[in-house]
Amino acid sequence: MGMTEVLSRAAYFMGIIFMGYSLRRAGFFKPEDFHVISKIVLKITLPAAIIVSFAGKEIDPSMLILCLLGLAGGLIYIGAGFLMNVKASREKKAFEILNLSGYNIGNFTLPFVQNFLGPSGVVITSLFDTGNAVVCLGGAYSAASMAKGEGKGLPVVQIMKTLVKSVPFDTYMIMTALCLLGVRLPRQAVSFAGIIADGNAFMAMLMIGVGFQLSGDRAQTGVIIRLLAVRYGVAAVLSAGFYFLLPMALEYRQTLAILVFAPIASAAPAFTGDLKGDIGLSSAINSISILISICCIVTVVGLVL
């Protein structure tokens, strides 16, 4: 697939977001519909997409270092969220931790990698996303919950409880274990999951569009600029570090240099809703991060390939 097709696909994603936003403004979707769509994404279409991406893949145990890199990338943003809001209110701290962390890889970045780096890039991406899943599918939510004062018990226990309850995370763990053991799912099961997975990107982008809402005040604009400046500043440093400093094969370094520019996790608005946060602002940040990531990923692809 050439650059024109990749840009077209990115434009289609933005078109779906705009469609969801327009339908909500027209009254087709109600505010409460966001929560219904987010449940479909988190508990049905995203797990199906994970199954399909791992099905039939062979994983060498030494490649699990990629999981740690995905985890580390997310933890850096959680730490940044805490440090940026040491004196802020609990609600603000929780919101910024949640909406700064995690990578939208399965719904957005994977197609870029698949088109430019092929099957090996997909495996590298999937393993990186397994570590990332600890953050975007439970870890960041747990950290935000504790920052808001809603978490109880030891942090590690709280995070593990959240992760175990996360259907996408459980799917990642099961599929990784099956791949390491060389166990393949029945073809019929993968085909069934594939039908559901085909709707994952659409549902995730629609969810963001339905939740998108900006008040236009300076406070919101300031939060958006602040979070995204930190987000992509860190991404630029990580991308350069992975590409020039990691003692890995070129295809690994190329893939990682692209992955760190993935948009903010598409699950962030759904988790923001669970914490009674500003869903509209979260969706706005998520949507804008997609636009920025398109520009960044296309630029990096041109530089590293």
C-alpha atoms as a PDB file:
ATOM      1  CA  MET A   1       0.000   0.000   0.000  1.00  0.00           C
ATOM      2  CA  GLY A   2       1.374   3.397  -0.994  1.00  0.00           C
ATOM      3  CA  MET A   3       1.395   6.664   0.918  1.00  0.00           C
ATOM      4  CA  THR A   4      -1.773   7.837  -0.832  1.00  0.00           C
ATOM      5  CA  GLU A   5      -3.748   4.844   0.427  1.00  0.00           C
ATOM      6  CA  VAL A   6      -2.376   5.270   3.959  1.00  0.00           C
ATOM      7  CA  LEU A   7      -3.393   8.928   4.037  1.00  0.00           C
ATOM      8  CA  SER A   8      -6.781   7.962   2.635  1.00  0.00           C
ATOM      9  CA  ARG A   9      -7.279   5.429   5.432  1.00  0.00           C
ATOM     10  CA  ALA A  10      -6.398   8.077   8.008  1.00  0.00           C
ATOM     11  CA  ALA A  11      -8.908  10.421   6.359  1.00  0.00           C
ATOM     12  CA  TYR A  12     -11.559   7.699   6.606  1.00  0.00           C
ATOM     13  CA  PHE A  13     -10.907   7.417  10.354  1.00  0.00           C
ATOM     14  CA  MET A  14     -11.409  11.159  10.780  1.00  0.00           C
ATOM     15  CA  GLY A  15     -14.546  10.948   8.621  1.00  0.00           C
ATOM     16  CA  ILE A  16     -16.043   8.332  10.969  1.00  0.00           C
ATOM     17  CA  ILE A  17     -15.240  10.527  13.986  1.00  0.00           C
ATOM     18  CA  PHE A  18     -16.935  13.471  12.267  1.00  0.00           C
ATOM     19  CA  MET A  19     -19.926  11.278  11.422  1.00  0.00           C
ATOM     20  CA  GLY A  20     -20.340  10.221  15.056  1.00  0.00           C
ATOM     21  CA  TYR A  21     -20.071  13.839  16.205  1.00  0.00           C
ATOM     22  CA  SER A  22     -22.587  15.032  13.584  1.00  0.00           C
ATOM     23  CA  LEU A  23     -25.086  12.287  14.431  1.00  0.00           C
ATOM     24  CA  ARG A  24     -24.916  13.200  18.118  1.00  0.00           C
ATOM     25  CA  ARG A  25     -25.438  16.882  17.332  1.00  0.00           C
ATOM     26  CA  ALA A  26     -28.407  15.925  15.134  1.00  0.00           C
ATOM     27  CA  GLY A  27     -29.970  13.946  18.007  1.00  0.00           C
ATOM     28  CA  PHE A  28     -29.462  10.495  16.504  1.00  0.00           C
ATOM     29  CA  PHE A  29     -27.181   9.587  19.423  1.00  0.00           C
ATOM     30  CA  LYS A  30     -27.907  10.599  23.015  1.00  0.00           C
ATOM     31  CA  PRO A  31     -25.141  11.386  25.547  1.00  0.00           C
ATOM     32  CA  GLU A  32     -25.755   8.072  27.320  1.00  0.00           C
ATOM     33  CA  ASP A  33     -25.193   6.168  24.049  1.00  0.00           C
ATOM     34  CA  PHE A  34     -21.467   6.829  24.436  1.00  0.00           C
ATOM     35  CA  HIS A  35     -21.332   4.369  27.327  1.00  0.00           C
ATOM     36  CA  VAL A  36     -23.135   1.681  25.321  1.00  0.00           C
ATOM     37  CA  ILE A  37     -20.741   2.067  22.375  1.00  0.00           C
ATOM     38  CA  SER A  38     -17.698   2.074  24.675  1.00  0.00           C
ATOM     39  CA  LYS A  39     -18.825  -1.234  26.215  1.00  0.00           C
ATOM     40  CA  ILE A  40     -19.148  -2.767  22.757  1.00  0.00           C
ATOM     41  CA  VAL A  41     -15.618  -1.619  21.874  1.00  0.00           C
ATOM     42  CA  LEU A  42     -13.936  -2.656  25.126  1.00  0.00           C
ATOM     43  CA  LYS A  43     -15.710  -5.975  25.634  1.00  0.00           C
ATOM     44  CA  ILE A  44     -16.508  -7.245  22.134  1.00  0.00           C
ATOM     45  CA  THR A  45     -14.799  -5.722  19.077  1.00  0.00           C
ATOM     46  CA  LEU A  46     -11.361  -4.944  20.573  1.00  0.00           C
ATOM     47  CA  PRO A  47     -10.916  -8.448  22.105  1.00  0.00           C
ATOM     48  CA  ALA A  48     -11.905  -9.934  18.726  1.00  0.00           C
ATOM     49  CA  ALA A  49      -9.295  -7.777  16.981  1.00  0.00           C
ATOM     50  CA  ILE A  50      -6.658  -8.976  19.455  1.00  0.00           C
ATOM     51  CA  ILE A  51      -7.516 -12.622  18.752  1.00  0.00           C
ATOM     52  CA  VAL A  52      -7.185 -12.099  15.014  1.00  0.00           C
ATOM     53  CA  SER A  53      -3.877 -10.206  15.275  1.00  0.00           C
ATOM     54  CA  PHE A  54      -2.285 -13.007  17.321  1.00  0.00           C
ATOM     55  CA  ALA A  55      -3.865 -15.998  15.584  1.00  0.00           C
ATOM     56  CA  GLY A  56      -1.265 -18.230  13.941  1.00  0.00           C
ATOM     57  CA  LYS A  57       1.696 -16.082  15.020  1.00  0.00           C
ATOM     58  CA  GLU A  58       4.863 -17.687  16.422  1.00  0.00           C
ATOM     59  CA  ILE A  59       6.581 -15.856  19.281  1.00  0.00           C
ATOM     60  CA  ASP A  60      10.124 -16.456  20.487  1.00  0.00           C
ATOM     61  CA  PRO A  61      10.449 -15.948  24.277  1.00  0.00           C
ATOM     62  CA  SER A  62      13.332 -13.512  23.687  1.00  0.00           C
ATOM     63  CA  MET A  63      10.885 -11.200  21.914  1.00  0.00           C
ATOM     64  CA  LEU A  64       9.023 -10.618  25.182  1.00  0.00           C
ATOM     65  CA  ILE A  65      11.425  -7.716  25.812  1.00  0.00           C
ATOM     66  CA  LEU A  66       9.096  -5.825  23.463  1.00  0.00           C
ATOM     67  CA  CYS A  67       6.298  -6.212  26.021  1.00  0.00           C
ATOM     68  CA  LEU A  68       8.495  -4.490  28.601  1.00  0.00           C
ATOM     69  CA  LEU A  69       9.182  -1.618  26.198  1.00  0.00           C
ATOM     70  CA  GLY A  70       5.441  -1.154  25.634  1.00  0.00           C
ATOM     71  CA  LEU A  71       4.863  -1.181  29.390  1.00  0.00           C
ATOM     72  CA  ALA A  72       7.710   1.259  30.049  1.00  0.00           C
ATOM     73  CA  GLY A  73       6.387   3.704  27.461  1.00  0.00           C
ATOM     74  CA  GLY A  74       3.028   3.829  29.217  1.00  0.00           C
ATOM     75  CA  LEU A  75       4.527   4.128  32.705  1.00  0.00           C
ATOM     76  CA  ILE A  76       6.531   7.160  31.597  1.00  0.00           C
ATOM     77  CA  TYR A  77       3.307   8.981  30.742  1.00  0.00           C
ATOM     78  CA  ILE A  78       1.611   7.967  34.002  1.00  0.00           C
ATOM     79  CA  GLY A  79       4.628   9.329  35.881  1.00  0.00           C
ATOM     80  CA  ALA A  80       4.510  12.529  33.835  1.00  0.00           C
ATOM     81  CA  GLY A  81       0.818  12.910  34.658  1.00  0.00           C
ATOM     82  CA  PHE A  82       1.561  12.677  38.372  1.00  0.00           C
ATOM     83  CA  LEU A  83       4.502  15.099  38.238  1.00  0.00           C
ATOM     84  CA  MET A  84       2.582  17.668  36.180  1.00  0.00           C
ATOM     85  CA  ASN A  85      -0.224  17.737  38.752  1.00  0.00           C
ATOM     86  CA  VAL A  86       1.493  17.499  42.122  1.00  0.00           C
ATOM     87  CA  LYS A  87      -0.439  20.519  43.439  1.00  0.00           C
ATOM     88  CA  ALA A  88      -3.538  20.123  41.269  1.00  0.00           C
ATOM     89  CA  SER A  89      -6.966  18.888  42.365  1.00  0.00           C
ATOM     90  CA  ARG A  90      -7.598  15.157  42.502  1.00  0.00           C
ATOM     91  CA  GLU A  91     -10.027  15.342  39.598  1.00  0.00           C
ATOM     92  CA  LYS A  92      -7.535  17.166  37.366  1.00  0.00           C
ATOM     93  CA  LYS A  93      -4.725  14.807  38.285  1.00  0.00           C
ATOM     94  CA  ALA A  94      -6.870  11.757  37.520  1.00  0.00           C
ATOM     95  CA  PHE A  95      -8.035  13.211  34.195  1.00  0.00           C
ATOM     96  CA  GLU A  96      -4.547  14.058  32.954  1.00  0.00           C
ATOM     97  CA  ILE A  97      -3.029  10.724  34.001  1.00  0.00           C
ATOM     98  CA  LEU A  98      -5.748   8.882  32.103  1.00  0.00           C
ATOM     99  CA  ASN A  99      -5.686  11.082  29.007  1.00  0.00           C
ATOM    100  CA  LEU A 100      -1.925  11.256  28.647  1.00  0.00           C
ATOM    101  CA  SER A 101      -1.220   7.531  28.872  1.00  0.00           C
ATOM    102  CA  GLY A 102      -1.464   4.526  26.578  1.00  0.00           C
ATOM    103  CA  TYR A 103      -1.130   3.989  22.833  1.00  0.00           C
ATOM    104  CA  ASN A 104      -3.953   3.444  20.348  1.00  0.00           C
ATOM    105  CA  ILE A 105      -2.227   0.652  18.431  1.00  0.00           C
ATOM    106  CA  GLY A 106      -4.847  -1.983  17.649  1.00  0.00           C
ATOM    107  CA  ASN A 107      -7.404   0.460  16.242  1.00  0.00           C
ATOM    108  CA  PHE A 108      -5.060   2.862  14.481  1.00  0.00           C
ATOM    109  CA  THR A 109      -1.323   2.210  14.260  1.00  0.00           C
ATOM    110  CA  LEU A 110      -1.361  -1.493  13.402  1.00  0.00           C
ATOM    111  CA  PRO A 111      -2.653  -0.889   9.842  1.00  0.00           C
ATOM    112  CA  PHE A 112       0.266   1.487   9.180  1.00  0.00           C
ATOM    113  CA  VAL A 113       2.805  -1.050  10.414  1.00  0.00           C
ATOM    114  CA  GLN A 114       1.121  -3.894   8.560  1.00  0.00           C
ATOM    115  CA  ASN A 115       1.196  -2.010   5.265  1.00  0.00           C
ATOM    116  CA  PHE A 116       4.800  -0.830   5.519  1.00  0.00           C
ATOM    117  CA  LEU A 117       6.605  -3.550   7.498  1.00  0.00           C
ATOM    118  CA  GLY A 118       4.569  -6.693   6.783  1.00  0.00           C
ATOM    119  CA  PRO A 119       4.070  -9.774   9.030  1.00  0.00           C
ATOM    120  CA  SER A 120       7.238  -9.260  11.109  1.00  0.00           C
ATOM    121  CA  GLY A 121       6.126  -5.735  11.906  1.00  0.00           C
ATOM    122  CA  VAL A 122       2.722  -7.030  13.009  1.00  0.00           C
ATOM    123  CA  VAL A 123       4.283  -9.474  15.502  1.00  0.00           C
ATOM    124  CA  ILE A 124       6.594  -6.780  16.897  1.00  0.00           C
ATOM    125  CA  THR A 125       3.647  -4.412  17.186  1.00  0.00           C
ATOM    126  CA  SER A 126       1.428  -7.002  18.882  1.00  0.00           C
ATOM    127  CA  LEU A 127       4.050  -7.764  21.535  1.00  0.00           C
ATOM    128  CA  PHE A 128       4.679  -4.062  22.194  1.00  0.00           C
ATOM    129  CA  ASP A 129       0.910  -3.614  22.457  1.00  0.00           C
ATOM    130  CA  THR A 130       0.701  -6.436  25.015  1.00  0.00           C
ATOM    131  CA  GLY A 131       2.859  -4.384  27.398  1.00  0.00           C
ATOM    132  CA  ASN A 132       0.974  -1.256  26.432  1.00  0.00           C
ATOM    133  CA  ALA A 133      -2.288  -3.034  27.285  1.00  0.00           C
ATOM    134  CA  VAL A 134      -1.248  -3.209  30.950  1.00  0.00           C
ATOM    135  CA  VAL A 135      -1.343   0.588  30.946  1.00  0.00           C
ATOM    136  CA  CYS A 136      -4.170   1.538  28.590  1.00  0.00           C
ATOM    137  CA  LEU A 137      -6.572  -1.260  29.573  1.00  0.00           C
ATOM    138  CA  GLY A 138      -6.276  -1.038  33.337  1.00  0.00           C
ATOM    139  CA  GLY A 139      -3.032   0.402  34.680  1.00  0.00           C
ATOM    140  CA  ALA A 140      -3.702   4.056  33.831  1.00  0.00           C
ATOM    141  CA  TYR A 141      -7.314   3.705  35.002  1.00  0.00           C
ATOM    142  CA  SER A 142      -6.153   2.278  38.337  1.00  0.00           C
ATOM    143  CA  ALA A 143      -3.564   5.044  38.751  1.00  0.00           C
ATOM    144  CA  ALA A 144      -6.176   7.692  37.908  1.00  0.00           C
ATOM    145  CA  SER A 145      -8.674   6.097  40.285  1.00  0.00           C
ATOM    146  CA  MET A 146      -6.157   6.189  43.120  1.00  0.00           C
ATOM    147  CA  ALA A 147      -5.197   9.784  42.273  1.00  0.00           C
ATOM    148  CA  LYS A 148      -8.867  10.720  42.551  1.00  0.00           C
ATOM    149  CA  GLY A 149      -9.063   8.991  45.919  1.00  0.00           C
ATOM    150  CA  GLU A 150     -11.316   6.147  44.827  1.00  0.00           C
ATOM    151  CA  GLY A 151      -8.741   3.364  44.908  1.00  0.00           C
ATOM    152  CA  LYS A 152      -8.518   1.121  47.943  1.00  0.00           C
ATOM    153  CA  GLY A 153      -5.783  -1.187  49.101  1.00  0.00           C
ATOM    154  CA  LEU A 154      -2.227  -1.535  47.832  1.00  0.00           C
ATOM    155  CA  PRO A 155      -1.614   0.011  44.378  1.00  0.00           C
ATOM    156  CA  VAL A 156      -0.311  -3.238  42.880  1.00  0.00           C
ATOM    157  CA  VAL A 157      -3.322  -5.175  44.131  1.00  0.00           C
ATOM    158  CA  GLN A 158      -5.676  -2.475  42.841  1.00  0.00           C
ATOM    159  CA  ILE A 159      -4.044  -2.487  39.406  1.00  0.00           C
ATOM    160  CA  MET A 160      -4.111  -6.277  39.169  1.00  0.00           C
ATOM    161  CA  LYS A 161      -7.799  -6.383  40.108  1.00  0.00           C
ATOM    162  CA  THR A 162      -8.568  -3.821  37.392  1.00  0.00           C
ATOM    163  CA  LEU A 163      -6.531  -5.687  34.789  1.00  0.00           C
ATOM    164  CA  VAL A 164      -8.125  -9.055  35.558  1.00  0.00           C
ATOM    165  CA  LYS A 165     -11.537  -7.469  35.007  1.00  0.00           C
ATOM    166  CA  SER A 166     -10.414  -6.046  31.649  1.00  0.00           C
ATOM    167  CA  VAL A 167     -11.619  -8.282  28.803  1.00  0.00           C
ATOM    168  CA  PRO A 168      -9.049  -6.917  26.273  1.00  0.00           C
ATOM    169  CA  PHE A 169      -6.160  -7.444  28.709  1.00  0.00           C
ATOM    170  CA  ASP A 170      -7.260 -10.982  29.518  1.00  0.00           C
ATOM    171  CA  THR A 171      -7.460 -11.658  25.781  1.00  0.00           C
ATOM    172  CA  TYR A 172      -3.923 -10.365  25.278  1.00  0.00           C
ATOM    173  CA  MET A 173      -2.574 -12.591  28.041  1.00  0.00           C
ATOM    174  CA  ILE A 174      -4.357 -15.700  26.803  1.00  0.00           C
ATOM    175  CA  MET A 175      -3.328 -15.190  23.170  1.00  0.00           C
ATOM    176  CA  THR A 176       0.316 -14.474  24.118  1.00  0.00           C
ATOM    177  CA  ALA A 177       0.429 -17.668  26.193  1.00  0.00           C
ATOM    178  CA  LEU A 178      -1.105 -19.711  23.377  1.00  0.00           C
ATOM    179  CA  CYS A 179       1.415 -18.334  20.865  1.00  0.00           C
ATOM    180  CA  LEU A 180       4.343 -19.118  23.185  1.00  0.00           C
ATOM    181  CA  LEU A 181       3.046 -22.669  23.631  1.00  0.00           C
ATOM    182  CA  GLY A 182       2.463 -23.079  19.904  1.00  0.00           C
ATOM    183  CA  VAL A 183      -1.266 -23.682  20.381  1.00  0.00           C
ATOM    184  CA  ARG A 184      -3.502 -22.560  17.515  1.00  0.00           C
ATOM    185  CA  LEU A 185      -7.171 -21.707  17.821  1.00  0.00           C
ATOM    186  CA  PRO A 186      -9.614 -23.542  15.546  1.00  0.00           C
ATOM    187  CA  ARG A 187      -9.944 -21.888  12.151  1.00  0.00           C
ATOM    188  CA  GLN A 188     -13.688 -21.444  12.670  1.00  0.00           C
ATOM    189  CA  ALA A 189     -13.117 -19.530  15.926  1.00  0.00           C
ATOM    190  CA  VAL A 190     -10.630 -17.174  14.270  1.00  0.00           C
ATOM    191  CA  SER A 191     -12.968 -16.628  11.318  1.00  0.00           C
ATOM    192  CA  PHE A 192     -15.828 -15.793  13.679  1.00  0.00           C
ATOM    193  CA  ALA A 193     -13.611 -13.366  15.616  1.00  0.00           C
ATOM    194  CA  GLY A 194     -12.505 -11.864  12.305  1.00  0.00           C
ATOM    195  CA  ILE A 195     -16.052 -10.873  11.379  1.00  0.00           C
ATOM    196  CA  ILE A 196     -16.405  -9.016  14.696  1.00  0.00           C
ATOM    197  CA  ALA A 197     -12.878  -7.554  14.473  1.00  0.00           C
ATOM    198  CA  ASP A 198     -13.690  -5.990  11.111  1.00  0.00           C
ATOM    199  CA  GLY A 199     -15.944  -3.556  12.951  1.00  0.00           C
ATOM    200  CA  ASN A 200     -13.454  -2.612  15.664  1.00  0.00           C
ATOM    201  CA  ALA A 201     -11.848   0.421  14.026  1.00  0.00           C
ATOM    202  CA  PHE A 202     -15.257   1.754  12.966  1.00  0.00           C
ATOM    203  CA  MET A 203     -16.779   1.371  16.436  1.00  0.00           C
ATOM    204  CA  ALA A 204     -13.756   2.896  18.191  1.00  0.00           C
ATOM    205  CA  MET A 205     -13.723   5.966  15.918  1.00  0.00           C
ATOM    206  CA  LEU A 206     -17.524   6.300  16.149  1.00  0.00           C
ATOM    207  CA  MET A 207     -17.257   6.203  19.959  1.00  0.00           C
ATOM    208  CA  ILE A 208     -14.746   9.070  19.929  1.00  0.00           C
ATOM    209  CA  GLY A 209     -16.979  11.103  17.611  1.00  0.00           C
ATOM    210  CA  VAL A 210     -20.094  10.566  19.737  1.00  0.00           C
ATOM    211  CA  GLY A 211     -18.198  11.679  22.832  1.00  0.00           C
ATOM    212  CA  PHE A 212     -16.461  14.653  21.177  1.00  0.00           C
ATOM    213  CA  GLN A 213     -17.407  17.979  22.717  1.00  0.00           C
ATOM    214  CA  LEU A 214     -15.544  21.260  23.171  1.00  0.00           C
ATOM    215  CA  SER A 215     -16.825  24.218  25.145  1.00  0.00           C
ATOM    216  CA  GLY A 216     -14.370  26.579  23.456  1.00  0.00           C
ATOM    217  CA  ASP A 217     -13.153  28.162  26.687  1.00  0.00           C
ATOM    218  CA  ARG A 218      -9.478  28.925  27.249  1.00  0.00           C
ATOM    219  CA  ALA A 219      -9.169  26.446  30.102  1.00  0.00           C
ATOM    220  CA  GLN A 220     -10.008  23.533  27.813  1.00  0.00           C
ATOM    221  CA  THR A 221      -7.681  24.807  25.091  1.00  0.00           C
ATOM    222  CA  GLY A 222      -4.877  25.128  27.626  1.00  0.00           C
ATOM    223  CA  VAL A 223      -5.346  21.544  28.848  1.00  0.00           C
ATOM    224  CA  ILE A 224      -5.341  20.189  25.293  1.00  0.00           C
ATOM    225  CA  ILE A 225      -2.176  22.064  24.280  1.00  0.00           C
ATOM    226  CA  ARG A 226      -0.395  21.150  27.523  1.00  0.00           C
ATOM    227  CA  LEU A 227      -1.153  17.436  27.375  1.00  0.00           C
ATOM    228  CA  LEU A 228      -0.418  17.024  23.690  1.00  0.00           C
ATOM    229  CA  ALA A 229       2.829  19.007  23.906  1.00  0.00           C
ATOM    230  CA  VAL A 230       4.076  16.668  26.637  1.00  0.00           C
ATOM    231  CA  ARG A 231       2.731  13.614  24.847  1.00  0.00           C
ATOM    232  CA  TYR A 232       4.494  14.236  21.542  1.00  0.00           C
ATOM    233  CA  GLY A 233       7.609  15.733  23.076  1.00  0.00           C
ATOM    234  CA  VAL A 234       8.165  12.475  24.969  1.00  0.00           C
ATOM    235  CA  ALA A 235       7.262  10.481  21.838  1.00  0.00           C
ATOM    236  CA  ALA A 236       9.943  12.270  19.813  1.00  0.00           C
ATOM    237  CA  VAL A 237      12.608  11.461  22.413  1.00  0.00           C
ATOM    238  CA  LEU A 238      11.517   7.793  22.647  1.00  0.00           C
ATOM    239  CA  SER A 239      11.383   7.410  18.855  1.00  0.00           C
ATOM    240  CA  ALA A 240      14.916   8.739  18.387  1.00  0.00           C
ATOM    241  CA  GLY A 241      16.188   6.651  21.306  1.00  0.00           C
ATOM    242  CA  PHE A 242      14.620   3.429  20.043  1.00  0.00           C
ATOM    243  CA  TYR A 243      15.851   3.919  16.483  1.00  0.00           C
ATOM    244  CA  PHE A 244      19.411   5.067  17.160  1.00  0.00           C
ATOM    245  CA  LEU A 245      20.292   3.450  20.495  1.00  0.00           C
ATOM    246  CA  LEU A 246      18.570   0.058  20.798  1.00  0.00           C
ATOM    247  CA  PRO A 247      20.854  -2.935  20.021  1.00  0.00           C
ATOM    248  CA  MET A 248      18.201  -4.616  17.882  1.00  0.00           C
ATOM    249  CA  ALA A 249      17.702  -5.517  14.223  1.00  0.00           C
ATOM    250  CA  LEU A 250      16.676  -2.688  11.902  1.00  0.00           C
ATOM    251  CA  GLU A 251      13.066  -3.880  11.480  1.00  0.00           C
ATOM    252  CA  TYR A 252      12.593  -3.781  15.265  1.00  0.00           C
ATOM    253  CA  ARG A 253      13.963  -0.247  15.526  1.00  0.00           C
ATOM    254  CA  GLN A 254      11.898   0.945  12.565  1.00  0.00           C
ATOM    255  CA  THR A 255       8.698  -0.456  14.041  1.00  0.00           C
ATOM    256  CA  LEU A 256       9.290   0.961  17.517  1.00  0.00           C
ATOM    257  CA  ALA A 257      10.173   4.397  16.112  1.00  0.00           C
ATOM    258  CA  ILE A 258       6.715   4.440  14.499  1.00  0.00           C
ATOM    259  CA  LEU A 259       4.741   2.928  17.393  1.00  0.00           C
ATOM    260  CA  VAL A 260       5.613   5.605  19.962  1.00  0.00           C
ATOM    261  CA  PHE A 261       3.793   8.174  17.820  1.00  0.00           C
ATOM    262  CA  ALA A 262       0.518   6.247  18.126  1.00  0.00           C
ATOM    263  CA  PRO A 263      -2.457   8.371  19.266  1.00  0.00           C
ATOM    264  CA  ILE A 264      -3.646   8.340  22.849  1.00  0.00           C
ATOM    265  CA  ALA A 265      -5.459   5.091  23.710  1.00  0.00           C
ATOM    266  CA  SER A 266      -8.981   4.997  22.272  1.00  0.00           C
ATOM    267  CA  ALA A 267     -10.187   3.504  25.580  1.00  0.00           C
ATOM    268  CA  ALA A 268      -9.298   6.731  27.451  1.00  0.00           C
ATOM    269  CA  PRO A 269     -12.666   8.453  26.863  1.00  0.00           C
ATOM    270  CA  ALA A 270     -14.513   5.308  27.999  1.00  0.00           C
ATOM    271  CA  PHE A 271     -12.465   5.092  31.203  1.00  0.00           C
ATOM    272  CA  THR A 272     -12.852   8.859  31.710  1.00  0.00           C
ATOM    273  CA  GLY A 273     -16.600   8.303  31.646  1.00  0.00           C
ATOM    274  CA  ASP A 274     -16.283   5.558  34.262  1.00  0.00           C
ATOM    275  CA  LEU A 275     -14.482   8.025  36.548  1.00  0.00           C
ATOM    276  CA  LYS A 276     -17.176  10.678  35.959  1.00  0.00           C
ATOM    277  CA  GLY A 277     -14.644  12.879  34.166  1.00  0.00           C
ATOM    278  CA  ASP A 278     -15.060  15.284  31.248  1.00  0.00           C
ATOM    279  CA  ILE A 279     -15.886  12.893  28.378  1.00  0.00           C
ATOM    280  CA  GLY A 280     -16.153  15.695  25.833  1.00  0.00           C
ATOM    281  CA  LEU A 281     -12.701  17.057  26.594  1.00  0.00           C
ATOM    282  CA  SER A 282     -11.233  13.553  26.654  1.00  0.00           C
ATOM    283  CA  SER A 283     -12.736  12.762  23.244  1.00  0.00           C
ATOM    284  CA  ALA A 284     -11.477  16.083  21.868  1.00  0.00           C
ATOM    285  CA  ILE A 285      -7.927  15.346  23.041  1.00  0.00           C
ATOM    286  CA  ASN A 286      -8.181  11.859  21.562  1.00  0.00           C
ATOM    287  CA  SER A 287      -9.406  13.130  18.207  1.00  0.00           C
ATOM    288  CA  ILE A 288      -6.737  15.818  17.924  1.00  0.00           C
ATOM    289  CA  SER A 289      -4.054  13.295  18.872  1.00  0.00           C
ATOM    290  CA  ILE A 290      -5.130  11.199  15.877  1.00  0.00           C
ATOM    291  CA  LEU A 291      -4.537  14.136  13.534  1.00  0.00           C
ATOM    292  CA  ILE A 292      -1.115  14.827  15.036  1.00  0.00           C
ATOM    293  CA  SER A 293      -0.184  11.143  14.937  1.00  0.00           C
ATOM    294  CA  ILE A 294      -1.079  10.900  11.258  1.00  0.00           C
ATOM    295  CA  CYS A 295       1.414  13.672  10.490  1.00  0.00           C
ATOM    296  CA  CYS A 296       4.082  12.223  12.793  1.00  0.00           C
ATOM    297  CA  ILE A 297       3.784   8.615  11.614  1.00  0.00           C
ATOM    298  CA  VAL A 298       3.830   9.538   7.938  1.00  0.00           C
ATOM    299  CA  THR A 299       6.935  11.677   8.557  1.00  0.00           C
ATOM    300  CA  VAL A 300       8.719   8.925  10.524  1.00  0.00           C
ATOM    301  CA  VAL A 301       7.823   6.309   7.918  1.00  0.00           C
ATOM    302  CA  GLY A 302       9.473   8.494   5.299  1.00  0.00           C
ATOM    303  CA  LEU A 303      12.593   8.896   7.443  1.00  0.00           C
ATOM    304  CA  VAL A 304      13.191   5.333   8.665  1.00  0.00           C
ATOM    305  CA  LEU A 305      12.120   3.203   5.682  1.00  0.00           C
END
